């Protein structure tokens, strides 16, 4: 049995047509509209003006009714799809209520994050820092999608990262290394040169400044430009 509608819509732009009718015609039209809204049956009308006005108003009422029925059907189907699956026997035995299960399952997600950071300190002296973070929060990800009942998959990401950070040397560090090797260079000229090009060797960032010092010394030797050890700081 079709449910009777409890309301209907009259549109403001219909008033310009109704204003051309007499009060008697408008009253007859209004009664016809209410009767049609309740019974969906066209009343018997004799006045041509009332028949014409009732014709376009009832057609608009039919279109509105079809749209309303489509919306109700979509909501009904969405409600059927969005319901959660029945509780399992284990859930029933443990006394979980539907609300507890539907809201959110306990987290239990194994995220093991191992991060290795290699920092280049003073040239080729590498300090390795291991950062290990273990989170034992195994999340079940059983949150249901209200539209299609889908479940998000469990995730267990693992991260392993290694990065090297170059720290430019200062003049004291360079002189100390030259004293250690017994092969001094003009440390200030070395710093000025590489500082001006962003501490690059060719197109690449410098990774080992001690190796660069040795190459600088080799170039000086090849060019016959030997920096005196006596000029090194004591």
Protein backbone atom coordinates (compact mmCIF):
# COMPACT_ATOMS: atom_id res chain seq x y z
CA UNK A 1 0.00 0.00 0.00
CA UNK A 2 1.43 3.35 -1.02
CA UNK A 3 2.09 5.66 1.90
CA UNK A 4 0.23 8.94 1.81
CA UNK A 5 2.36 12.04 1.61
CA UNK A 6 2.13 14.45 4.50
CA UNK A 7 3.32 17.49 2.58
CA UNK A 8 3.84 18.92 -0.89
CA UNK A 9 5.44 22.01 -2.42
CA UNK A 10 3.87 24.98 -4.11
CA UNK A 11 6.30 27.26 -5.95
CA UNK A 12 6.33 31.05 -5.85
CA UNK A 13 6.48 31.41 -9.63
CA UNK A 14 3.10 29.66 -9.90
CA UNK A 15 1.44 32.65 -8.26
CA UNK A 16 1.58 34.77 -11.42
CA UNK A 17 -0.77 32.28 -13.11
CA UNK A 18 -3.09 31.86 -10.14
CA UNK A 19 -3.37 35.66 -9.75
CA UNK A 20 -5.20 35.77 -13.10
CA UNK A 21 -8.01 33.60 -11.65
CA UNK A 22 -11.00 34.73 -9.65
CA UNK A 23 -11.19 33.92 -5.97
CA UNK A 24 -13.77 31.22 -6.73
CA UNK A 25 -11.51 29.63 -9.34
CA UNK A 26 -8.49 29.84 -7.02
CA UNK A 27 -10.47 28.21 -4.21
CA UNK A 28 -11.59 25.41 -6.51
CA UNK A 29 -7.98 24.90 -7.64
CA UNK A 30 -6.68 24.80 -4.06
CA UNK A 31 -9.21 22.12 -3.08
CA UNK A 32 -8.26 20.10 -6.18
CA UNK A 33 -4.56 20.31 -5.29
CA UNK A 34 -5.12 19.05 -1.73
CA UNK A 35 -7.30 16.20 -2.94
CA UNK A 36 -4.69 15.15 -5.50
CA UNK A 37 -1.90 15.27 -2.89
CA UNK A 38 -3.88 12.93 -0.62
CA UNK A 39 -5.29 10.45 -3.15
CA UNK A 40 -3.13 10.89 -6.27
CA UNK A 41 -6.39 10.98 -8.22
CA UNK A 42 -7.23 13.85 -10.53
CA UNK A 43 -10.47 15.53 -9.45
CA UNK A 44 -13.29 16.26 -11.88
CA UNK A 45 -12.99 19.89 -12.98
CA UNK A 46 -15.10 21.86 -15.43
CA UNK A 47 -13.64 25.36 -15.44
CA UNK A 48 -11.00 25.58 -18.22
CA UNK A 49 -8.83 28.03 -16.25
CA UNK A 50 -8.82 25.75 -13.21
CA UNK A 51 -8.09 22.71 -15.39
CA UNK A 52 -5.13 24.47 -17.03
CA UNK A 53 -3.64 25.63 -13.72
CA UNK A 54 -4.19 22.23 -12.08
CA UNK A 55 -2.48 20.54 -15.03
CA UNK A 56 0.94 22.20 -14.65
CA UNK A 57 0.83 22.22 -10.83
CA UNK A 58 -0.02 18.50 -10.60
CA UNK A 59 2.75 17.63 -13.07
CA UNK A 60 5.27 19.45 -10.87
CA UNK A 61 3.92 17.62 -7.82
CA UNK A 62 4.45 14.29 -9.65
CA UNK A 63 8.08 15.21 -10.45
CA UNK A 64 8.72 16.18 -6.83
CA UNK A 65 7.22 12.90 -5.64
CA UNK A 66 9.49 10.89 -7.97
CA UNK A 67 12.61 12.70 -6.71
CA UNK A 68 11.58 12.12 -3.11
CA UNK A 69 11.03 8.41 -3.80
CA UNK A 70 14.50 8.11 -5.39
CA UNK A 71 16.13 9.76 -2.38
CA UNK A 72 14.33 7.44 0.03
CA UNK A 73 15.43 4.39 -1.99
CA UNK A 74 19.08 5.49 -2.05
CA UNK A 75 19.03 6.01 1.69
CA UNK A 76 17.46 2.61 2.21
CA UNK A 77 20.14 0.87 0.11
CA UNK A 78 22.91 2.84 1.80
CA UNK A 79 21.59 1.79 5.19
CA UNK A 80 21.60 -1.87 4.18
CA UNK A 81 25.19 -1.70 2.89
CA UNK A 82 26.50 0.30 5.82
CA UNK A 83 25.46 -2.17 8.52
CA UNK A 84 28.29 -4.09 10.22
CA UNK A 85 28.59 -7.86 9.88
CA UNK A 86 26.98 -9.97 12.63
CA UNK A 87 29.04 -10.56 15.76
CA UNK A 88 31.18 -13.66 15.74
CA UNK A 89 30.70 -16.35 18.36
CA UNK A 90 33.99 -15.32 19.99
CA UNK A 91 32.84 -11.71 20.27
CA UNK A 92 29.54 -12.82 21.75
CA UNK A 93 31.34 -15.09 24.25
CA UNK A 94 33.62 -12.24 25.35
CA UNK A 95 30.62 -10.05 26.01
CA UNK A 96 31.39 -7.35 23.44
CA UNK A 97 28.39 -5.23 22.56
CA UNK A 98 27.66 -4.19 19.00
CA UNK A 99 28.50 -0.58 19.84
CA UNK A 100 31.89 -1.52 21.27
CA UNK A 101 32.82 -3.53 18.19
CA UNK A 102 31.43 -1.06 15.67
CA UNK A 103 33.06 2.00 17.22
CA UNK A 104 36.70 0.91 16.98
CA UNK A 105 38.67 -2.25 17.61
CA UNK A 106 41.69 -2.13 19.95
CA UNK A 107 44.92 -0.94 18.35
CA UNK A 108 47.60 -3.58 17.83
CA UNK A 109 49.82 -2.42 15.01
CA UNK A 110 53.44 -3.58 14.90
CA UNK A 111 55.41 -0.59 13.60
CA UNK A 112 59.14 -1.27 13.77
CA UNK A 113 61.12 1.79 12.75
CA UNK A 114 64.88 1.38 12.50
CA UNK A 115 66.70 4.52 11.43
CA UNK A 116 70.44 4.66 10.84
CA UNK A 117 71.93 8.13 10.56
CA UNK A 118 75.55 8.42 9.44
CA UNK A 119 77.03 11.81 10.21
CA UNK A 120 80.33 12.77 8.61
CA UNK A 121 82.19 14.60 11.35
CA UNK A 122 85.63 16.11 10.72
CA UNK A 123 86.02 14.66 7.28
CA UNK A 124 86.17 10.89 7.22
CA UNK A 125 85.31 10.26 10.86
CA UNK A 126 81.81 8.78 10.73
CA UNK A 127 79.51 8.69 13.73
CA UNK A 128 76.65 6.22 13.30
CA UNK A 129 73.50 6.73 15.30
CA UNK A 130 70.91 3.97 15.41
CA UNK A 131 67.41 5.04 16.27
CA UNK A 132 65.13 2.11 16.90
CA UNK A 133 61.51 2.65 17.72
CA UNK A 134 59.17 -0.23 18.30
CA UNK A 135 55.49 0.43 18.70
CA UNK A 136 53.39 -2.48 19.77
CA UNK A 137 49.98 -1.17 18.99
CA UNK A 138 48.68 -3.84 16.57
CA UNK A 139 45.69 -2.04 15.16
CA UNK A 140 43.06 -4.33 13.72
CA UNK A 141 41.69 -1.69 11.37
CA UNK A 142 38.19 -3.07 11.51
CA UNK A 143 36.47 0.27 11.10
CA UNK A 144 33.65 -0.41 8.66
CA UNK A 145 32.94 1.95 5.81
CA UNK A 146 29.40 3.19 6.22
CA UNK A 147 28.73 2.96 2.51
CA UNK A 148 30.33 -0.29 1.35
CA UNK A 149 31.28 -2.22 4.49
CA UNK A 150 34.95 -2.31 3.49
CA UNK A 151 37.69 -2.93 6.02
CA UNK A 152 41.04 -1.18 5.93
CA UNK A 153 43.99 -3.62 5.65
CA UNK A 154 46.42 -3.99 8.52
CA UNK A 155 49.69 -2.16 8.04
CA UNK A 156 53.16 -2.85 9.38
CA UNK A 157 55.61 -0.42 7.76
CA UNK A 158 59.34 -0.78 8.24
CA UNK A 159 61.73 2.09 7.68
CA UNK A 160 65.49 1.81 7.10
CA UNK A 161 67.16 5.07 6.20
CA UNK A 162 70.82 6.09 5.93
CA UNK A 163 71.93 9.64 5.36
CA UNK A 164 75.33 11.33 5.50
CA UNK A 165 75.77 14.89 6.75
CA UNK A 166 78.91 16.79 5.77
CA UNK A 167 80.30 19.27 8.29
CA UNK A 168 82.79 21.78 6.80
CA UNK A 169 86.09 21.98 8.75
CA UNK A 170 87.49 25.11 10.29
CA UNK A 171 91.08 26.31 9.95
CA UNK A 172 92.16 24.75 13.27
CA UNK A 173 90.95 21.32 12.19
CA UNK A 174 92.76 21.55 8.87
CA UNK A 175 96.02 22.68 10.49
CA UNK A 176 95.74 19.91 13.08
CA UNK A 177 95.35 17.32 10.33
CA UNK A 178 98.28 18.78 8.38
CA UNK A 179 100.43 18.64 11.53
CA UNK A 180 99.42 15.00 11.96
CA UNK A 181 100.40 14.09 8.39
CA UNK A 182 103.42 16.39 8.27
CA UNK A 183 102.23 17.85 4.98
CA UNK A 184 100.95 21.38 5.53
CA UNK A 185 98.86 23.42 3.11
CA UNK A 186 97.55 26.98 3.07
CA UNK A 187 94.47 26.17 5.16
CA UNK A 188 92.91 29.60 4.70
CA UNK A 189 93.23 29.39 0.92
CA UNK A 190 91.71 25.88 1.05
CA UNK A 191 88.71 27.12 3.05
CA UNK A 192 88.22 30.22 0.89
CA UNK A 193 88.24 28.16 -2.29
CA UNK A 194 85.74 25.53 -1.25
CA UNK A 195 83.56 27.92 0.73
CA UNK A 196 83.12 30.02 -2.42
CA UNK A 197 81.83 27.06 -4.44
CA UNK A 198 79.56 25.64 -1.74
CA UNK A 199 82.01 22.94 -0.63
CA UNK A 200 81.77 21.07 -3.92
CA UNK A 201 84.27 18.96 -5.82
CA UNK A 202 83.25 19.31 -9.43
CA UNK A 203 79.45 19.06 -9.46
CA UNK A 204 79.22 16.94 -6.30
CA UNK A 205 79.06 17.91 -2.66
CA UNK A 206 82.25 17.27 -0.70
CA UNK A 207 82.03 14.17 1.49
CA UNK A 208 85.59 13.83 2.91
CA UNK A 209 87.49 17.06 3.48
CA UNK A 210 90.64 15.20 4.58
CA UNK A 211 90.84 13.53 1.17
CA UNK A 212 90.41 16.98 -0.38
CA UNK A 213 93.30 18.28 1.76
CA UNK A 214 95.53 15.45 0.53
CA UNK A 215 94.66 16.23 -3.10
CA UNK A 216 95.32 19.94 -2.46
CA UNK A 217 98.74 19.04 -1.05
CA UNK A 218 99.46 16.75 -4.05
CA UNK A 219 98.58 19.56 -6.44
CA UNK A 220 100.93 21.91 -4.56
CA UNK A 221 103.71 19.32 -4.81
CA UNK A 222 103.10 18.80 -8.54
CA UNK A 223 103.24 22.57 -9.07
CA UNK A 224 106.37 22.94 -6.91
CA UNK A 225 104.45 25.12 -4.47
CA UNK A 226 105.30 23.54 -1.10
CA UNK A 227 103.83 25.20 1.95
CA UNK A 228 106.46 25.35 4.72
CA UNK A 229 105.77 23.30 7.88
CA UNK A 230 107.27 26.17 9.86
CA UNK A 231 104.18 28.21 9.07
CA UNK A 232 101.92 25.74 10.87
CA UNK A 233 100.70 26.88 14.30
CA UNK A 234 102.51 25.36 17.26
